[in-house]
Amino acid sequence: MKIAVVALGKIGLPLAVQFASKGHDVVGVDVNQAVVDLVNAGTEPFPGEAELADRLATLVPAGRLRATTDYADAIPGADAVVIVVPLFVDDESWQPDFGWMDSATRALGEHLTPGTLVSYETTLPVGTTRTRWKPMIEEVSGLTEGVDFHLVFSPERVLTGRVFADLRKYPKLVGALSEEGAKTAKEFYEAVLDFDERTDLDRPNGVWDLGSPEASELAKLAETTYRDVNIGLANQFARFAEQNGIDVHAVIEASNSQPYSHIHRPGIAVGGHCIPVYPRLYLFNDPDATVVRAAREANAGMPDHAITLLEGAFGDLAGARVAVLGAAYRGGVKETAFSGVFPLVAGLRERGATALVHDPMYSDDELAGFGFEPYHVGEQVDAALVQADHAMYRELDEASLPGLRAIVDGRQVTDPARFDGVVHRVIGLAR
């Protein structure tokens, strides 16, 4: 098949590579010329994705994969077009911003030819595929869905850093506007993906047709919103435990020993492109979902709670040098989307502290580009907040942070025995 993948980001590029790995001819479209040039050179444009560099180095020279900024080059004659363009959500109004996706969809429609399967993998509010993309593509292209092309929603369900493993592990969900569209989508994804055997599932791992794009859209929102609500509950338990002399981590371990309890871990922040964002897309459709809204607000309040814990351990933070350890939203991933580092730095500055940021995956220039003052392990510091669970932070001790008087560990990665004479706090542990 000839396949076009629109947007070569941290999900789109591995998808394009996966499709090419199955023997298909893949063209990736991206608005960023630098990304296009790197891909065409067989070089990964971002680090940290397992297998990506090796696969690119093989597939690009073999002619299976190339990149372009030109939709007219990639879309005409394609058997399938997969769209993974980002959908942004306003941080204050919680309303989706379809700007980039609208632009990509119109460009796609201008060059769409009959016989193409169009699959959106970007997470969407329920109803978007049917009520927004279908009429837009038909208007721009002059083609008719279900006759000239098929439109489906098939959400990505992977985590950056392990995309190829996740593609094999999880069922591929599809929701089409017609039976013929569902059949076409199923045949396409079976031709480009491999699936691990899963004895824990009620039906075989593979492509699962959910019957409509709305069901497929809701399935992705439901699985991610569940995680945000679960973490919100864990954070509520953690704050209660702190006030009542209880180790919430031991409580969660005990609770989860019963097979119907799956309580997640509490923490200093919920970051990334998915968990903080998709509950807002759910609320776009269902604004009266009080449980979802309360969990999102509870999780958004955890950075400020961590600073409050630090004030209790250290005292007045005005004039203090405070190191925020971790700019990335989670350990081992070079990504700052909705990272807790931003509200932590802002909150510390509001309290008059000098906020410094360390992250082993970012250079000083990169940290400065975010507006942060870089911190280097070994420099004098008064207090610290562990924001990301990078592996190196497990080895920290009081000698690593000279002058340290108090530390709040928001990820339960530091060893209190290594901080003799330092006030050591962990979210969810009694003071």
Protein backbone atom coordinates (compact mmCIF):
# COMPACT_ATOMS: atom_id res chain seq x y z
CA MET A 1 0.00 0.00 0.00
CA LYS A 2 0.86 3.66 -0.31
CA ILE A 3 0.28 5.27 3.08
CA ALA A 4 0.48 8.91 4.17
CA VAL A 5 0.97 9.88 7.81
CA VAL A 6 0.16 13.49 8.66
CA ALA A 7 2.32 14.93 11.49
CA LEU A 8 5.62 13.27 12.33
CA GLY A 9 5.67 13.86 16.07
CA LYS A 10 6.39 11.43 18.87
CA ILE A 11 3.44 9.26 17.86
CA GLY A 12 3.15 9.95 14.14
CA LEU A 13 6.75 9.16 13.22
CA PRO A 14 6.85 5.79 15.02
CA LEU A 15 3.52 4.95 13.33
CA ALA A 16 4.99 5.79 9.92
CA VAL A 17 8.03 3.66 10.73
CA GLN A 18 5.82 0.77 11.86
CA PHE A 19 3.81 0.88 8.63
CA ALA A 20 6.99 0.97 6.54
CA SER A 21 8.42 -1.92 8.57
CA LYS A 22 5.54 -4.06 7.28
CA GLY A 23 6.63 -3.52 3.70
CA HIS A 24 4.45 -0.57 2.71
CA ASP A 25 5.51 2.68 1.03
CA VAL A 26 5.05 5.51 3.51
CA VAL A 27 5.21 9.28 3.09
CA GLY A 28 5.15 11.45 6.19
CA VAL A 29 3.86 15.02 6.07
CA ASP A 30 5.01 17.62 8.57
CA VAL A 31 4.99 21.41 8.63
CA ASN A 32 8.44 21.49 10.26
CA GLN A 33 11.12 21.43 7.56
CA ALA A 34 13.81 20.53 10.10
CA VAL A 35 11.89 17.38 11.08
CA VAL A 36 11.40 16.48 7.42
CA ASP A 37 15.12 16.91 6.71
CA LEU A 38 16.13 14.74 9.67
CA VAL A 39 13.72 11.97 8.72
CA ASN A 40 14.94 12.01 5.11
CA ALA A 41 18.48 11.70 6.45
CA GLY A 42 17.44 8.61 8.41
CA THR A 43 17.98 10.42 11.72
CA GLU A 44 15.52 10.48 14.61
CA PRO A 45 14.40 14.08 15.32
CA PHE A 46 13.83 13.39 19.02
CA PRO A 47 15.56 11.01 21.45
CA GLY A 48 14.15 8.37 23.73
CA GLU A 49 11.94 6.22 21.49
CA ALA A 50 13.03 2.58 21.64
CA GLU A 51 13.90 1.04 18.24
CA LEU A 52 13.19 4.25 16.32
CA ALA A 53 16.75 5.20 15.37
CA ASP A 54 17.64 1.72 14.12
CA ARG A 55 14.45 1.36 12.10
CA LEU A 56 14.82 4.80 10.51
CA ALA A 57 18.41 4.02 9.55
CA THR A 58 17.19 0.94 7.69
CA LEU A 59 13.88 2.03 6.17
CA VAL A 60 14.83 5.44 4.77
CA PRO A 61 17.81 4.21 2.69
CA ALA A 62 15.65 1.32 1.50
CA GLY A 63 13.14 3.78 0.09
CA ARG A 64 10.25 2.62 2.26
CA LEU A 65 9.89 5.88 4.16
CA ARG A 66 10.34 9.52 3.25
CA ALA A 67 9.05 12.85 4.49
CA THR A 68 7.73 16.03 2.92
CA THR A 69 6.04 19.31 3.79
CA ASP A 70 3.86 19.06 0.67
CA TYR A 71 0.39 17.51 0.95
CA ALA A 72 0.20 17.42 -2.85
CA ASP A 73 3.16 15.07 -2.81
CA ALA A 74 1.85 12.72 -0.12
CA ILE A 75 -1.95 12.51 -0.35
CA PRO A 76 -2.99 11.84 -3.98
CA GLY A 77 -3.22 8.13 -4.74
CA ALA A 78 -2.77 7.07 -1.12
CA ASP A 79 -4.57 3.91 -0.05
CA ALA A 80 -4.73 5.24 3.49
CA VAL A 81 -4.08 8.54 5.26
CA VAL A 82 -3.50 8.53 9.03
CA ILE A 83 -3.75 11.87 10.86
CA VAL A 84 -1.94 12.42 14.17
CA VAL A 85 -1.98 16.24 14.28
CA PRO A 86 -2.04 17.67 17.83
CA LEU A 87 -5.29 18.97 19.30
CA PHE A 88 -4.69 21.65 21.90
CA VAL A 89 -6.87 22.53 24.87
CA ASP A 90 -6.94 26.02 26.37
CA ASP A 91 -5.47 25.87 29.86
CA GLU A 92 -7.99 28.34 31.30
CA SER A 93 -11.26 27.70 29.45
CA TRP A 94 -10.61 23.96 28.92
CA GLN A 95 -12.00 24.35 25.38
CA PRO A 96 -10.41 22.45 22.48
CA ASP A 97 -8.51 24.44 19.87
CA PHE A 98 -8.99 22.72 16.51
CA GLY A 99 -6.79 25.19 14.61
CA TRP A 100 -3.98 22.86 13.58
CA MET A 101 -6.31 19.94 12.90
CA ASP A 102 -8.67 22.07 10.80
CA SER A 103 -5.73 23.28 8.73
CA ALA A 104 -4.43 19.75 8.20
CA THR A 105 -7.89 18.43 7.35
CA ARG A 106 -8.48 21.12 4.74
CA ALA A 107 -5.07 20.48 3.19
CA LEU A 108 -5.86 16.77 3.15
CA GLY A 109 -9.24 17.40 1.51
CA GLU A 110 -7.70 19.54 -1.22
CA HIS A 111 -5.63 16.59 -2.43
CA LEU A 112 -7.76 13.58 -1.50
CA THR A 113 -8.42 11.11 -4.30
CA PRO A 114 -11.11 8.41 -4.48
CA GLY A 115 -10.49 5.06 -2.85
CA THR A 116 -8.67 6.37 0.23
CA LEU A 117 -9.21 5.36 3.85
CA VAL A 118 -8.87 8.38 6.17
CA SER A 119 -8.16 7.54 9.80
CA TYR A 120 -7.89 10.05 12.64
CA GLU A 121 -5.77 8.86 15.57
CA THR A 122 -5.62 12.13 17.54
CA THR A 123 -7.86 11.95 20.61
CA LEU A 124 -11.09 13.88 19.97
CA PRO A 125 -14.28 14.96 21.72
CA VAL A 126 -17.14 12.57 21.03
CA GLY A 127 -18.86 13.35 17.72
CA THR A 128 -15.95 15.19 16.09
CA THR A 129 -15.30 12.62 13.36
CA ARG A 130 -18.91 12.59 12.18
CA THR A 131 -19.91 16.21 12.68
CA ARG A 132 -16.65 18.08 11.98
CA TRP A 133 -14.25 16.05 9.83
CA LYS A 134 -16.78 14.35 7.53
CA PRO A 135 -18.49 17.55 6.31
CA MET A 136 -15.19 19.42 6.14
CA ILE A 137 -13.49 16.79 3.99
CA GLU A 138 -16.55 16.42 1.75
CA GLU A 139 -16.83 20.19 1.27
CA VAL A 140 -13.16 20.70 0.41
CA SER A 141 -12.64 17.55 -1.67
CA GLY A 142 -16.00 17.34 -3.43
CA LEU A 143 -15.99 13.63 -2.60
CA THR A 144 -18.64 11.69 -0.70
CA GLU A 145 -17.82 9.68 2.43
CA GLY A 146 -18.90 6.05 2.16
CA VAL A 147 -18.79 6.26 -1.65
CA ASP A 148 -15.50 7.88 -2.65
CA PHE A 149 -13.60 7.50 0.61
CA HIS A 150 -14.04 5.99 4.07
CA LEU A 151 -13.57 7.91 7.32
CA VAL A 152 -12.80 6.25 10.68
CA PHE A 153 -11.60 7.16 14.14
CA SER A 154 -8.93 4.87 15.55
CA PRO A 155 -7.28 6.32 18.67
CA GLU A 156 -3.60 5.95 19.40
CA ARG A 157 -3.16 4.07 22.70
CA VAL A 158 0.60 4.18 23.18
CA LEU A 159 3.13 5.86 25.45
CA THR A 160 6.15 7.71 24.12
CA GLY A 161 9.32 5.74 24.69
CA ARG A 162 7.62 2.39 24.10
CA VAL A 163 5.39 2.98 21.07
CA PHE A 164 6.36 -0.13 19.13
CA ALA A 165 5.81 -2.42 22.12
CA ASP A 166 2.45 -0.80 22.88
CA LEU A 167 1.29 -1.15 19.27
CA ARG A 168 1.71 -4.90 19.64
CA LYS A 169 0.27 -5.12 23.12
CA TYR A 170 -3.06 -3.29 22.92
CA PRO A 171 -6.08 -3.94 20.68
CA LYS A 172 -6.47 -1.44 17.85
CA LEU A 173 -9.87 0.22 18.19
CA VAL A 174 -11.72 1.41 15.09
CA GLY A 175 -15.02 3.19 14.66
CA ALA A 176 -16.38 3.78 11.16
CA LEU A 177 -19.38 5.53 9.64
CA SER A 178 -20.39 2.43 7.65
CA GLU A 179 -19.92 -1.34 7.62
CA GLU A 180 -17.77 -1.07 4.50
CA GLY A 181 -15.61 1.57 6.20
CA ALA A 182 -15.17 -0.67 9.23
CA LYS A 183 -14.14 -3.57 6.99
CA THR A 184 -11.64 -1.39 5.14
CA ALA A 185 -10.16 -0.06 8.39
CA LYS A 186 -9.86 -3.54 9.85
CA GLU A 187 -8.05 -4.82 6.76
CA PHE A 188 -5.73 -1.81 6.79
CA TYR A 189 -4.66 -2.07 10.43
CA GLU A 190 -4.26 -5.84 10.21
CA ALA A 191 -1.85 -5.22 7.33
CA VAL A 192 0.30 -2.68 9.18
CA LEU A 193 0.32 -3.95 12.78
CA ASP A 194 1.31 -7.09 14.65
CA PHE A 195 -0.38 -8.15 17.87
CA ASP A 196 0.93 -10.02 20.90
CA GLU A 197 -1.13 -12.89 22.22
CA ARG A 198 -3.16 -11.73 25.22
CA THR A 199 -4.66 -14.55 27.30
CA ASP A 200 -6.06 -11.97 29.73
CA LEU A 201 -8.54 -10.58 27.17
CA ASP A 202 -12.04 -11.93 26.61
CA ARG A 203 -11.49 -11.90 22.86
CA PRO A 204 -8.34 -12.16 20.74
CA ASN A 205 -5.97 -9.23 20.59
CA GLY A 206 -6.17 -7.44 17.25
CA VAL A 207 -8.39 -4.89 15.51
CA TRP A 208 -11.63 -4.33 17.41
CA ASP A 209 -14.55 -2.68 15.61
CA LEU A 210 -16.58 -0.62 18.11
CA GLY A 211 -19.40 0.04 15.66
CA SER A 212 -19.21 3.84 15.38
CA PRO A 213 -16.68 6.65 15.60
CA GLU A 214 -18.51 7.97 18.67
CA ALA A 215 -17.90 4.70 20.55
CA SER A 216 -14.24 4.72 19.54
CA GLU A 217 -13.87 8.38 20.55
CA LEU A 218 -15.45 7.69 23.94
CA ALA A 219 -13.33 4.59 24.52
CA LYS A 220 -10.13 6.65 24.32
CA LEU A 221 -11.54 9.42 26.51
CA ALA A 222 -12.84 6.87 29.01
CA GLU A 223 -9.58 4.99 29.45
CA THR A 224 -7.55 8.15 30.00
CA THR A 225 -10.15 9.97 32.10
CA TYR A 226 -10.33 6.88 34.33
CA ARG A 227 -6.63 7.28 35.06
CA ASP A 228 -6.99 10.96 35.94
CA VAL A 229 -9.93 10.22 38.25
CA ASN A 230 -8.03 7.34 39.83
CA ILE A 231 -4.96 9.50 40.44
CA GLY A 232 -7.19 12.24 41.83
CA LEU A 233 -8.61 9.77 44.33
CA ALA A 234 -5.10 8.59 45.25
CA ASN A 235 -4.05 12.19 45.81
CA GLN A 236 -7.05 12.78 48.07
CA PHE A 237 -6.09 9.70 50.08
CA ALA A 238 -2.48 10.97 50.22
CA ARG A 239 -3.43 14.35 51.63
CA PHE A 240 -5.66 12.73 54.25
CA ALA A 241 -2.89 10.28 55.18
CA GLU A 242 -0.37 13.09 55.63
CA GLN A 243 -2.64 14.73 58.19
CA ASN A 244 -3.39 11.55 60.11
CA GLY A 245 -0.06 9.79 60.60
CA ILE A 246 -0.62 7.19 57.86
CA ASP A 247 1.64 5.88 55.09
CA VAL A 248 -0.67 6.01 52.07
CA HIS A 249 1.75 4.02 49.92
CA ALA A 250 1.51 1.07 52.29
CA VAL A 251 -2.27 1.49 52.33
CA ILE A 252 -2.47 1.42 48.53
CA GLU A 253 -0.23 -1.64 48.33
CA ALA A 254 -2.49 -3.40 50.84
CA SER A 255 -5.67 -2.34 49.07
CA ASN A 256 -4.41 -3.46 45.67
CA SER A 257 -3.66 -6.94 47.00
CA GLN A 258 -7.41 -7.50 46.56
CA PRO A 259 -8.11 -8.06 42.83
CA TYR A 260 -10.89 -5.48 42.53
CA SER A 261 -8.80 -2.56 43.77
CA HIS A 262 -6.52 -0.77 41.31
CA ILE A 263 -5.64 2.46 43.10
CA HIS A 264 -2.96 4.45 41.29
CA ARG A 265 -0.03 6.24 42.91
CA PRO A 266 -0.32 9.79 44.25
CA GLY A 267 2.20 12.35 43.11
CA ILE A 268 3.31 15.92 42.75
CA ALA A 269 1.78 16.44 39.29
CA VAL A 270 -0.03 14.75 36.42
CA GLY A 271 1.64 15.68 33.14
CA GLY A 272 1.97 14.63 29.53
CA HIS A 273 -0.14 15.07 26.43
CA CYS A 274 -2.84 12.65 27.60
CA ILE A 275 -4.00 12.39 31.20
CA PRO A 276 -4.24 16.14 32.01
CA VAL A 277 -5.84 16.92 28.64
CA TYR A 278 -8.37 14.25 27.70
CA PRO A 279 -10.62 14.70 30.76
CA ARG A 280 -11.10 18.26 29.52
CA LEU A 281 -12.17 16.90 26.13
CA TYR A 282 -14.64 14.66 27.93
CA LEU A 283 -15.96 17.64 29.87
CA PHE A 284 -16.40 19.47 26.55
CA ASN A 285 -19.16 16.92 25.78
CA ASP A 286 -20.34 16.35 29.37
CA PRO A 287 -19.80 19.56 31.38
CA ASP A 288 -21.92 18.26 34.27
CA ALA A 289 -19.53 15.36 34.99
CA THR A 290 -18.76 16.42 38.55
CA VAL A 291 -16.50 13.45 39.32
CA VAL A 292 -14.28 14.15 36.31
CA ARG A 293 -14.07 17.88 37.05
CA ALA A 294 -13.28 17.37 40.73
CA ALA A 295 -10.48 14.91 39.95
CA ARG A 296 -8.94 17.23 37.37
CA GLU A 297 -9.02 20.12 39.84
CA ALA A 298 -7.58 17.94 42.62
CA ASN A 299 -4.67 16.84 40.45
CA ALA A 300 -4.03 20.37 39.20
CA GLY A 301 -3.71 21.46 42.84
CA MET A 302 -0.93 19.02 43.74
CA PRO A 303 2.04 21.23 42.79
CA ASP A 304 0.81 23.94 45.16
CA HIS A 305 0.23 21.28 47.82
CA ALA A 306 3.86 20.15 47.41
CA ILE A 307 5.08 23.70 47.92
CA THR A 308 2.93 23.94 51.05
CA LEU A 309 4.58 20.75 52.34
CA LEU A 310 7.97 22.30 51.65
CA GLU A 311 7.01 25.44 53.58
CA GLY A 312 6.03 23.25 56.52
CA ALA A 313 9.40 21.49 56.39
CA PHE A 314 11.58 24.53 55.64
CA GLY A 315 9.71 27.63 56.77
CA ASP A 316 9.32 30.88 54.87
CA LEU A 317 10.65 30.34 51.34
CA ALA A 318 11.26 34.04 50.61
CA GLY A 319 14.87 34.39 49.48
CA ALA A 320 15.51 30.63 49.51
CA ARG A 321 17.22 28.82 46.66
CA VAL A 322 14.93 25.93 45.77
CA ALA A 323 15.84 23.26 43.22
CA VAL A 324 13.03 21.65 41.25
CA LEU A 325 14.41 18.26 40.23
CA GLY A 326 12.92 17.26 36.92
CA ALA A 327 11.56 19.38 34.07
CA ALA A 328 10.14 16.39 32.19
CA TYR A 329 6.62 15.31 33.06
CA ARG A 330 7.88 11.79 33.88
CA GLY A 331 11.21 10.10 34.34
CA GLY A 332 13.21 8.99 31.33
CA VAL A 333 11.16 10.97 28.81
CA LYS A 334 12.33 14.23 27.28
CA GLU A 335 8.94 15.92 27.20
CA THR A 336 7.56 18.81 29.24
CA ALA A 337 3.91 18.80 28.10
CA PHE A 338 1.81 19.90 31.09
CA SER A 339 4.75 19.08 33.35
CA GLY A 340 4.47 19.97 37.03
CA VAL A 341 7.66 21.99 36.66
CA PHE A 342 5.73 24.99 35.35
CA PRO A 343 3.29 25.48 38.27
CA LEU A 344 6.05 24.59 40.73
CA VAL A 345 8.40 27.27 39.41
CA ALA A 346 5.55 29.80 39.25
CA GLY A 347 4.43 28.97 42.80
CA LEU A 348 7.93 29.22 44.22
CA ARG A 349 8.49 32.58 42.57
CA GLU A 350 5.18 33.85 43.98
CA ARG A 351 6.49 32.97 47.44
CA GLY A 352 9.69 34.93 46.85
CA ALA A 353 11.98 31.93 46.34
CA THR A 354 14.65 31.62 43.69
CA ALA A 355 13.46 28.64 41.66
CA LEU A 356 16.18 26.57 39.98
CA VAL A 357 15.52 23.62 37.65
CA HIS A 358 17.57 20.49 37.01
CA ASP A 359 16.92 17.74 34.49
CA PRO A 360 19.52 15.26 33.19
CA MET A 361 17.80 15.13 29.79
CA TYR A 362 17.92 18.88 29.12
CA SER A 363 20.84 21.22 28.50
CA ASP A 364 21.18 24.56 30.26
CA ASP A 365 20.16 26.35 27.06
CA GLU A 366 17.05 24.20 26.74
CA LEU A 367 16.05 24.88 30.34
CA ALA A 368 16.70 28.59 29.85
CA GLY A 369 14.46 28.41 26.77
CA PHE A 370 11.58 27.49 29.08
CA GLY A 371 12.36 30.52 31.23
CA PHE A 372 14.10 28.48 33.95
CA GLU A 373 17.34 29.14 35.77
CA PRO A 374 19.36 25.91 35.47
CA TYR A 375 20.58 24.07 38.53
CA HIS A 376 23.52 21.64 38.63
CA VAL A 377 23.80 18.87 41.19
CA GLY A 378 26.57 19.83 43.60
CA GLU A 379 25.68 23.52 43.74
CA GLN A 380 24.49 25.19 46.93
CA VAL A 381 20.75 24.98 47.50
CA ASP A 382 18.45 25.51 50.48
CA ALA A 383 15.56 23.22 49.58
CA ALA A 384 14.43 20.86 46.84
CA LEU A 385 11.32 19.39 45.24
CA VAL A 386 11.50 16.11 43.30
CA GLN A 387 9.15 16.57 40.33
CA ALA A 388 10.17 13.73 37.96
CA ASP A 389 11.26 10.19 38.77
CA HIS A 390 14.49 10.18 36.76
CA ALA A 391 16.66 7.21 37.70
CA MET A 392 19.58 9.37 38.81
CA TYR A 393 17.50 10.93 41.58
CA ARG A 394 17.46 7.61 43.41
CA GLU A 395 21.17 8.12 44.08
CA LEU A 396 20.88 11.64 45.49
CA ASP A 397 22.00 12.38 49.04
CA GLU A 398 22.67 15.44 51.15
CA ALA A 399 26.18 15.72 49.71
CA SER A 400 24.67 15.99 46.22
CA LEU A 401 22.72 19.06 47.31
CA PRO A 402 25.08 21.10 49.55
CA GLY A 403 23.32 23.28 52.09
CA LEU A 404 20.03 21.41 51.77
CA ARG A 405 17.72 21.83 54.75
CA ALA A 406 14.49 20.29 53.44
CA ILE A 407 13.34 18.17 50.50
CA VAL A 408 9.87 17.16 49.36
CA ASP A 409 9.83 14.06 47.18
CA GLY A 410 6.79 14.09 44.95
CA ARG A 411 7.60 10.74 43.32
CA GLN A 412 8.81 8.58 46.23
CA VAL A 413 12.20 7.97 44.59
CA THR A 414 14.69 9.34 47.13
CA ASP A 415 15.98 7.37 50.10
CA PRO A 416 15.42 9.24 53.39
CA ALA A 417 18.37 7.37 54.94
CA ARG A 418 20.65 9.25 52.53
CA PHE A 419 19.50 12.63 53.88
CA ASP A 420 20.67 12.54 57.50
CA GLY A 421 20.00 15.89 59.12
CA VAL A 422 17.68 17.02 56.31
CA VAL A 423 13.93 17.31 56.76
CA HIS A 424 12.61 14.74 54.25
CA ARG A 425 8.97 14.70 53.20
CA VAL A 426 7.15 12.42 50.73
CA ILE A 427 3.68 13.09 49.37
CA GLY A 428 1.34 10.64 51.05
CA LEU A 429 3.54 9.92 54.06
CA ALA A 430 2.93 11.19 57.59
CA ARG A 431 5.17 14.07 58.60
